[in-house]
Amino acid sequence: MCAHWPRCPEANAIDHTAACVVSAHPEQGWSLLCNGVVLFDDSGELFPDGHAVAPRGRLCTAA
């Protein structure tokens, strides 16, 4: 999918989130990268092959 030079990382690459954003929808909480990965504001990810990565937990320190 990527037409950039140098090419963006593929969806299955370790650095896949470094790909360029082709469609941003901050009002809905997601962005589409040129490698087909959908990034969600809560840190979740949806890959072109249909598998998903759950949002990463946040560390909480109680006072």
N, C-alpha and C. Protein backbone atom coordinates (compact mmCIF):
# COMPACT_ATOMS: atom_id res chain seq x y z
N MET A 1 0.80 -1.20 0.00
CA MET A 1 0.00 0.00 0.00
C MET A 1 0.85 1.27 0.00
N CYS A 2 2.03 1.22 0.55
CA CYS A 2 2.84 2.42 0.74
C CYS A 2 3.46 2.91 -0.56
N ALA A 3 3.29 4.21 -0.81
CA ALA A 3 3.89 4.84 -1.99
C ALA A 3 4.98 5.83 -1.57
N HIS A 4 5.37 5.82 -0.30
CA HIS A 4 6.39 6.75 0.19
C HIS A 4 7.79 6.24 -0.12
N TRP A 5 8.73 7.17 -0.13
CA TRP A 5 10.13 6.79 -0.29
C TRP A 5 10.92 7.46 0.80
N PRO A 6 11.66 6.76 1.61
CA PRO A 6 11.73 5.30 1.65
C PRO A 6 10.39 4.72 2.12
N ARG A 7 10.18 3.47 1.75
CA ARG A 7 8.92 2.81 2.08
C ARG A 7 8.72 2.72 3.60
N CYS A 8 7.48 2.83 4.00
CA CYS A 8 7.13 2.69 5.41
C CYS A 8 7.21 1.22 5.81
N PRO A 9 7.36 0.95 7.10
CA PRO A 9 7.42 -0.44 7.57
C PRO A 9 6.13 -1.19 7.26
N GLU A 10 6.26 -2.46 6.95
CA GLU A 10 5.10 -3.31 6.70
C GLU A 10 4.31 -3.51 7.99
N ALA A 11 3.08 -3.97 7.86
CA ALA A 11 2.20 -4.16 9.03
C ALA A 11 2.77 -5.17 10.01
N ASN A 12 3.53 -6.14 9.53
CA ASN A 12 4.08 -7.17 10.42
C ASN A 12 5.48 -6.85 10.94
N ALA A 13 5.98 -5.66 10.63
CA ALA A 13 7.31 -5.25 11.11
C ALA A 13 7.22 -4.78 12.56
N ILE A 14 8.33 -4.89 13.25
CA ILE A 14 8.38 -4.46 14.66
C ILE A 14 8.06 -2.97 14.79
N ASP A 15 8.50 -2.17 13.83
CA ASP A 15 8.29 -0.71 13.89
C ASP A 15 7.09 -0.27 13.03
N HIS A 16 6.07 -1.11 12.93
CA HIS A 16 4.92 -0.84 12.06
C HIS A 16 4.21 0.47 12.38
N THR A 17 4.29 0.95 13.60
CA THR A 17 3.61 2.20 13.95
C THR A 17 4.33 3.43 13.42
N ALA A 18 5.50 3.25 12.82
CA ALA A 18 6.23 4.37 12.23
C ALA A 18 5.73 4.71 10.83
N ALA A 19 4.79 3.94 10.30
CA ALA A 19 4.24 4.21 8.97
C ALA A 19 3.46 5.53 8.98
N CYS A 20 3.33 6.14 7.81
CA CYS A 20 2.63 7.42 7.68
C CYS A 20 1.13 7.26 7.86
N VAL A 21 0.53 8.27 8.47
CA VAL A 21 -0.92 8.31 8.63
C VAL A 21 -1.53 8.74 7.30
N VAL A 22 -2.50 7.96 6.80
CA VAL A 22 -3.19 8.32 5.56
C VAL A 22 -4.60 8.83 5.82
N SER A 23 -5.14 8.53 6.99
CA SER A 23 -6.48 9.01 7.34
C SER A 23 -6.57 9.10 8.86
N ALA A 24 -6.76 10.33 9.35
CA ALA A 24 -6.84 10.55 10.80
C ALA A 24 -8.27 10.94 11.17
N HIS A 25 -8.78 10.32 12.21
CA HIS A 25 -10.12 10.62 12.71
C HIS A 25 -10.06 10.78 14.22
N PRO A 26 -9.44 11.87 14.70
CA PRO A 26 -9.28 12.05 16.14
C PRO A 26 -10.63 12.17 16.87
N GLU A 27 -11.64 12.65 16.17
CA GLU A 27 -12.95 12.76 16.81
C GLU A 27 -13.56 11.39 17.10
N GLN A 28 -13.09 10.37 16.36
CA GLN A 28 -13.55 9.00 16.58
C GLN A 28 -12.50 8.15 17.30
N GLY A 29 -11.29 8.70 17.46
CA GLY A 29 -10.26 8.02 18.24
C GLY A 29 -9.42 7.01 17.48
N TRP A 30 -9.26 7.17 16.15
CA TRP A 30 -8.44 6.22 15.40
C TRP A 30 -7.78 6.89 14.21
N SER A 31 -6.71 6.23 13.72
CA SER A 31 -5.99 6.67 12.52
C SER A 31 -5.60 5.44 11.71
N LEU A 32 -5.64 5.58 10.39
CA LEU A 32 -5.23 4.52 9.48
C LEU A 32 -3.83 4.83 8.96
N LEU A 33 -2.93 3.86 9.08
CA LEU A 33 -1.57 4.01 8.57
C LEU A 33 -1.50 3.45 7.15
N CYS A 34 -0.49 3.86 6.38
CA CYS A 34 -0.39 3.42 4.99
C CYS A 34 -0.09 1.93 4.85
N ASN A 35 0.29 1.28 5.93
CA ASN A 35 0.52 -0.17 5.87
C ASN A 35 -0.74 -0.96 6.23
N GLY A 36 -1.86 -0.26 6.43
CA GLY A 36 -3.13 -0.91 6.69
C GLY A 36 -3.46 -1.11 8.15
N VAL A 37 -2.58 -0.71 9.04
CA VAL A 37 -2.82 -0.84 10.48
C VAL A 37 -3.70 0.32 10.95
N VAL A 38 -4.69 0.02 11.77
CA VAL A 38 -5.51 1.04 12.40
C VAL A 38 -5.02 1.20 13.84
N LEU A 39 -4.64 2.43 14.19
CA LEU A 39 -4.20 2.73 15.55
C LEU A 39 -5.32 3.45 16.27
N PHE A 40 -5.60 3.00 17.49
CA PHE A 40 -6.63 3.63 18.30
C PHE A 40 -5.98 4.49 19.39
N ASP A 41 -6.68 5.53 19.79
CA ASP A 41 -6.15 6.45 20.80
C ASP A 41 -5.85 5.78 22.13
N ASP A 42 -6.51 4.67 22.42
CA ASP A 42 -6.27 3.98 23.68
C ASP A 42 -5.09 3.01 23.60
N SER A 43 -4.33 3.06 22.50
CA SER A 43 -3.14 2.26 22.21
C SER A 43 -3.45 0.88 21.63
N GLY A 44 -4.71 0.59 21.36
CA GLY A 44 -5.06 -0.66 20.68
C GLY A 44 -4.70 -0.57 19.20
N GLU A 45 -4.59 -1.74 18.55
CA GLU A 45 -4.24 -1.79 17.14
C GLU A 45 -5.07 -2.87 16.45
N LEU A 46 -5.43 -2.60 15.19
CA LEU A 46 -6.12 -3.57 14.36
C LEU A 46 -5.30 -3.73 13.08
N PHE A 47 -4.95 -4.99 12.75
CA PHE A 47 -4.08 -5.26 11.63
C PHE A 47 -4.87 -5.65 10.38
N PRO A 48 -4.29 -5.50 9.19
CA PRO A 48 -5.00 -5.82 7.96
C PRO A 48 -5.49 -7.26 7.88
N ASP A 49 -4.81 -8.18 8.54
CA ASP A 49 -5.24 -9.59 8.50
C ASP A 49 -6.35 -9.89 9.49
N GLY A 50 -6.79 -8.87 10.25
CA GLY A 50 -7.92 -9.02 11.16
C GLY A 50 -7.56 -9.23 12.62
N HIS A 51 -6.29 -9.51 12.92
CA HIS A 51 -5.97 -9.69 14.34
C HIS A 51 -5.80 -8.33 15.02
N ALA A 52 -6.02 -8.35 16.30
CA ALA A 52 -5.99 -7.10 17.07
C ALA A 52 -5.02 -7.22 18.23
N VAL A 53 -4.54 -6.07 18.67
CA VAL A 53 -3.71 -5.98 19.87
C VAL A 53 -4.49 -5.12 20.86
N ALA A 54 -4.73 -5.65 22.03
CA ALA A 54 -5.49 -4.93 23.05
C ALA A 54 -4.72 -3.71 23.53
N PRO A 55 -5.45 -2.71 23.99
CA PRO A 55 -4.77 -1.54 24.56
C PRO A 55 -3.84 -1.94 25.69
N ARG A 56 -2.71 -1.25 25.76
CA ARG A 56 -1.77 -1.53 26.83
C ARG A 56 -2.26 -0.85 28.10
N GLY A 57 -2.12 -1.51 29.22
CA GLY A 57 -2.56 -0.95 30.50
C GLY A 57 -1.69 0.24 30.90
N ARG A 58 -2.26 1.10 31.66
CA ARG A 58 -1.52 2.23 32.18
C ARG A 58 -1.13 1.94 33.62
N LEU A 59 0.04 2.42 33.99
CA LEU A 59 0.47 2.27 35.37
C LEU A 59 -0.26 3.29 36.22
N CYS A 60 -0.72 2.86 37.35
CA CYS A 60 -1.45 3.76 38.25
C CYS A 60 -0.76 3.76 39.59
N THR A 61 -0.49 4.94 40.08
CA THR A 61 0.11 5.03 41.41
C THR A 61 -0.91 5.66 42.34
N ALA A 62 -1.27 4.94 43.36
CA ALA A 62 -2.24 5.45 44.33
C ALA A 62 -1.51 6.19 45.44
N ALA A 63 -2.11 7.23 45.87
CA ALA A 63 -1.50 8.02 46.93
C ALA A 63 -1.91 7.52 48.29
